[in-house]
N, C-alpha and C. Protein backbone atom coordinates (compact mmCIF):
# COMPACT_ATOMS: atom_id res chain seq x y z
N UNK A 1 138.44 96.49 113.65
CA UNK A 1 138.75 95.52 114.68
C UNK A 1 137.72 95.59 115.82
N UNK A 2 137.32 96.80 116.23
CA UNK A 2 136.31 96.92 117.28
C UNK A 2 134.98 96.33 116.83
N UNK A 3 134.65 96.54 115.57
CA UNK A 3 133.42 95.97 115.03
C UNK A 3 133.43 94.45 115.15
N UNK A 4 134.54 93.83 114.82
CA UNK A 4 134.66 92.38 114.93
C UNK A 4 134.50 91.93 116.38
N UNK A 5 135.14 92.63 117.30
CA UNK A 5 135.01 92.29 118.73
C UNK A 5 133.56 92.38 119.18
N UNK A 6 132.88 93.46 118.77
CA UNK A 6 131.48 93.65 119.16
C UNK A 6 130.60 92.55 118.59
N UNK A 7 130.82 92.20 117.34
CA UNK A 7 130.02 91.13 116.71
C UNK A 7 130.30 89.78 117.37
N UNK A 8 131.55 89.50 117.66
CA UNK A 8 131.90 88.24 118.33
C UNK A 8 131.24 88.15 119.70
N UNK A 9 131.30 89.23 120.46
CA UNK A 9 130.72 89.25 121.80
C UNK A 9 129.21 89.02 121.76
N UNK A 10 128.51 89.75 120.92
CA UNK A 10 127.06 89.61 120.87
C UNK A 10 126.64 88.27 120.28
N UNK A 11 127.40 87.75 119.35
CA UNK A 11 127.09 86.42 118.79
C UNK A 11 127.24 85.34 119.84
N UNK A 12 128.32 85.39 120.60
CA UNK A 12 128.55 84.37 121.64
C UNK A 12 127.51 84.45 122.75
N UNK A 13 126.98 85.65 123.00
CA UNK A 13 125.95 85.83 124.03
C UNK A 13 124.56 85.57 123.46
N UNK A 14 124.48 85.28 122.16
CA UNK A 14 123.20 85.04 121.48
C UNK A 14 122.28 86.26 121.61
N UNK A 15 122.88 87.46 121.58
CA UNK A 15 122.13 88.70 121.71
C UNK A 15 121.48 89.04 120.38
N UNK A 16 120.18 89.28 120.37
CA UNK A 16 119.43 89.47 119.13
C UNK A 16 118.59 90.74 119.12
N UNK A 17 119.16 91.87 119.46
CA UNK A 17 118.41 93.12 119.39
C UNK A 17 119.39 94.28 119.32
N UNK A 18 118.85 95.49 119.29
CA UNK A 18 119.71 96.67 119.24
C UNK A 18 120.46 96.82 120.55
N UNK A 19 121.64 97.34 120.47
CA UNK A 19 122.44 97.57 121.66
C UNK A 19 123.73 98.27 121.28
N UNK A 20 124.48 98.66 122.28
CA UNK A 20 125.74 99.35 122.06
C UNK A 20 126.83 98.64 122.83
N UNK A 21 127.93 98.31 122.15
CA UNK A 21 129.09 97.70 122.80
C UNK A 21 130.14 98.80 122.90
N UNK A 22 130.62 99.04 124.12
CA UNK A 22 131.56 100.13 124.35
C UNK A 22 132.95 99.62 124.71
N UNK A 23 133.95 100.32 124.17
CA UNK A 23 135.35 100.02 124.41
C UNK A 23 136.10 101.32 124.71
N UNK A 24 137.20 101.21 125.42
CA UNK A 24 138.20 102.27 125.52
C UNK A 24 139.41 101.77 124.75
N UNK A 25 140.14 102.68 124.12
CA UNK A 25 141.34 102.31 123.38
C UNK A 25 142.53 103.03 123.98
N UNK A 26 143.54 102.26 124.36
CA UNK A 26 144.79 102.83 124.89
C UNK A 26 145.57 103.37 123.70
N UNK A 27 145.77 104.68 123.66
CA UNK A 27 146.43 105.29 122.50
C UNK A 27 147.92 104.97 122.44
N UNK A 28 148.49 104.48 123.52
CA UNK A 28 149.92 104.13 123.51
C UNK A 28 150.18 102.93 122.60
N UNK A 29 149.29 101.95 122.66
CA UNK A 29 149.47 100.75 121.83
C UNK A 29 148.24 100.40 121.00
N UNK A 30 147.22 101.27 121.05
CA UNK A 30 145.96 101.09 120.32
C UNK A 30 145.23 99.81 120.71
N UNK A 31 145.46 99.32 121.92
CA UNK A 31 144.81 98.11 122.41
C UNK A 31 143.43 98.48 122.98
N UNK A 32 142.37 97.79 122.50
CA UNK A 32 141.03 98.08 123.00
C UNK A 32 140.73 97.32 124.29
N UNK A 33 139.94 97.96 125.15
CA UNK A 33 139.49 97.34 126.39
C UNK A 33 137.97 97.44 126.45
N UNK A 34 137.34 96.31 126.65
CA UNK A 34 135.89 96.25 126.73
C UNK A 34 135.39 96.96 127.99
N UNK A 35 134.32 97.76 127.85
CA UNK A 35 133.71 98.43 129.00
C UNK A 35 132.37 97.78 129.34
N UNK A 36 131.42 97.83 128.39
CA UNK A 36 130.08 97.33 128.68
C UNK A 36 129.26 97.16 127.42
N UNK A 37 128.15 96.45 127.57
CA UNK A 37 127.13 96.36 126.53
C UNK A 37 125.87 97.00 127.09
N UNK A 38 125.31 97.94 126.36
CA UNK A 38 124.04 98.56 126.74
C UNK A 38 122.94 97.98 125.88
N UNK A 39 122.01 97.23 126.47
CA UNK A 39 120.94 96.59 125.69
C UNK A 39 119.79 97.54 125.40
N UNK A 40 120.12 98.68 124.87
CA UNK A 40 119.11 99.68 124.53
C UNK A 40 119.67 100.57 123.43
N UNK A 41 118.81 101.36 122.87
CA UNK A 41 119.25 102.30 121.85
C UNK A 41 119.80 103.54 122.55
N UNK A 42 120.97 103.95 122.14
CA UNK A 42 121.60 105.14 122.70
C UNK A 42 121.05 106.39 122.00
N UNK A 43 121.19 107.53 122.62
CA UNK A 43 120.73 108.78 122.03
C UNK A 43 121.46 109.05 120.70
N UNK A 44 122.67 108.54 120.55
CA UNK A 44 123.45 108.76 119.33
C UNK A 44 123.06 107.81 118.19
N UNK A 45 121.99 107.04 118.36
CA UNK A 45 121.62 106.06 117.34
C UNK A 45 121.38 106.69 115.97
N UNK A 46 121.03 107.96 115.94
CA UNK A 46 120.76 108.60 114.65
C UNK A 46 122.01 108.66 113.78
N UNK A 47 123.20 108.70 114.39
CA UNK A 47 124.44 108.68 113.62
C UNK A 47 124.56 107.35 112.88
N UNK A 48 124.30 106.27 113.59
CA UNK A 48 124.34 104.94 112.97
C UNK A 48 123.28 104.83 111.88
N UNK A 49 122.09 105.33 112.14
CA UNK A 49 121.03 105.28 111.13
C UNK A 49 121.44 106.01 109.86
N UNK A 50 122.08 107.16 110.01
CA UNK A 50 122.49 107.94 108.84
C UNK A 50 123.52 107.22 107.98
N UNK A 51 124.48 106.55 108.59
CA UNK A 51 125.56 105.93 107.80
C UNK A 51 125.24 104.51 107.35
N UNK A 52 124.20 103.89 107.93
CA UNK A 52 123.85 102.53 107.51
C UNK A 52 122.52 102.45 106.77
N UNK A 53 121.68 103.47 106.93
CA UNK A 53 120.36 103.43 106.29
C UNK A 53 119.38 102.54 107.03
N UNK A 54 119.73 102.09 108.23
CA UNK A 54 118.87 101.21 109.03
C UNK A 54 118.08 102.06 110.02
N UNK A 55 116.75 101.89 110.03
CA UNK A 55 115.90 102.55 111.02
C UNK A 55 115.95 101.68 112.28
N UNK A 56 116.81 102.03 113.22
CA UNK A 56 117.07 101.19 114.40
C UNK A 56 115.86 101.11 115.31
N UNK A 57 115.14 102.21 115.49
CA UNK A 57 113.97 102.20 116.37
C UNK A 57 112.90 101.26 115.79
N UNK A 58 112.62 101.39 114.51
CA UNK A 58 111.64 100.53 113.86
C UNK A 58 112.06 99.06 113.96
N UNK A 59 113.34 98.79 113.72
CA UNK A 59 113.84 97.41 113.78
C UNK A 59 113.69 96.85 115.19
N UNK A 60 114.04 97.64 116.21
CA UNK A 60 113.95 97.14 117.58
C UNK A 60 112.50 96.84 117.96
N UNK A 61 111.58 97.69 117.55
CA UNK A 61 110.16 97.44 117.85
C UNK A 61 109.67 96.17 117.17
N UNK A 62 110.08 95.95 115.93
CA UNK A 62 109.67 94.73 115.22
C UNK A 62 110.25 93.49 115.88
N UNK A 63 111.51 93.57 116.31
CA UNK A 63 112.15 92.43 116.99
C UNK A 63 111.45 92.16 118.32
N UNK A 64 111.13 93.21 119.05
CA UNK A 64 110.42 93.05 120.33
C UNK A 64 109.05 92.41 120.13
N UNK A 65 108.47 92.62 118.96
CA UNK A 65 107.16 92.03 118.64
C UNK A 65 107.28 90.60 118.12
N UNK A 66 108.51 90.09 118.01
CA UNK A 66 108.70 88.70 117.63
C UNK A 66 109.36 88.45 116.29
N UNK A 67 109.66 89.50 115.52
CA UNK A 67 110.33 89.31 114.23
C UNK A 67 111.78 88.88 114.46
N UNK A 68 112.30 88.12 113.52
CA UNK A 68 113.72 87.72 113.59
C UNK A 68 114.57 88.80 112.94
N UNK A 69 115.88 88.73 113.18
CA UNK A 69 116.79 89.68 112.54
C UNK A 69 116.70 89.57 111.02
N UNK A 70 116.56 88.34 110.51
CA UNK A 70 116.43 88.15 109.06
C UNK A 70 115.16 88.80 108.54
N UNK A 71 114.05 88.65 109.26
CA UNK A 71 112.78 89.24 108.84
C UNK A 71 112.83 90.76 108.82
N UNK A 72 113.63 91.33 109.70
CA UNK A 72 113.78 92.78 109.76
C UNK A 72 114.80 93.28 108.74
N UNK A 73 115.56 92.35 108.16
CA UNK A 73 116.58 92.72 107.17
C UNK A 73 117.91 93.06 107.79
N UNK A 74 118.13 92.62 109.03
CA UNK A 74 119.38 92.91 109.72
C UNK A 74 120.31 91.71 109.70
N UNK A 75 120.91 91.47 108.56
CA UNK A 75 121.92 90.44 108.40
C UNK A 75 123.26 91.17 108.38
N UNK A 76 124.11 90.90 109.37
CA UNK A 76 125.33 91.68 109.56
C UNK A 76 126.14 91.83 108.28
N UNK A 77 126.24 90.76 107.51
CA UNK A 77 127.05 90.80 106.29
C UNK A 77 126.48 91.76 105.26
N UNK A 78 125.19 92.11 105.38
CA UNK A 78 124.55 92.99 104.40
C UNK A 78 124.50 94.45 104.85
N UNK A 79 124.98 94.73 106.06
CA UNK A 79 124.97 96.10 106.57
C UNK A 79 126.34 96.72 106.32
N UNK A 80 126.33 97.83 105.61
CA UNK A 80 127.60 98.50 105.33
C UNK A 80 127.51 99.96 105.77
N UNK A 81 128.66 100.53 106.03
CA UNK A 81 128.74 101.92 106.45
C UNK A 81 129.08 102.77 105.23
N UNK A 82 128.31 103.82 105.04
CA UNK A 82 128.51 104.72 103.91
C UNK A 82 128.68 106.14 104.44
N UNK A 83 129.84 106.71 104.26
CA UNK A 83 130.08 108.09 104.64
C UNK A 83 130.31 108.26 106.13
N UNK A 84 130.08 109.47 106.60
CA UNK A 84 130.26 109.82 107.99
C UNK A 84 129.07 110.67 108.45
N UNK A 85 128.86 110.72 109.76
CA UNK A 85 127.80 111.55 110.31
C UNK A 85 128.25 112.09 111.66
N UNK A 86 127.78 113.28 111.98
CA UNK A 86 128.08 113.93 113.25
C UNK A 86 126.76 114.35 113.87
N UNK A 87 126.62 114.13 115.16
CA UNK A 87 125.44 114.58 115.87
C UNK A 87 125.82 115.70 116.82
N UNK A 88 125.07 116.78 116.77
CA UNK A 88 125.29 117.89 117.72
C UNK A 88 124.05 117.99 118.59
N UNK A 89 124.28 118.01 119.93
CA UNK A 89 123.14 118.14 120.83
C UNK A 89 123.40 119.28 121.78
């Protein structure tokens, strides 16, 4: 459900690059509350890279240079999550 909210938000804003959409979830009713969108790569991006196989830094640089999401291979419907990853810092 959070994934859908994040995709809807960025689609409506016509956002076309790497970023992080943050929510808080009320555990009493599991209702999510939007916090912010960070238009940059977070330090935890390696977790996403591990479970999706997407090199986020490379993709962001290509997009900044003028490539489209399609040219970079970032079509939301084709990105799937495989397994889990944990980052320790």
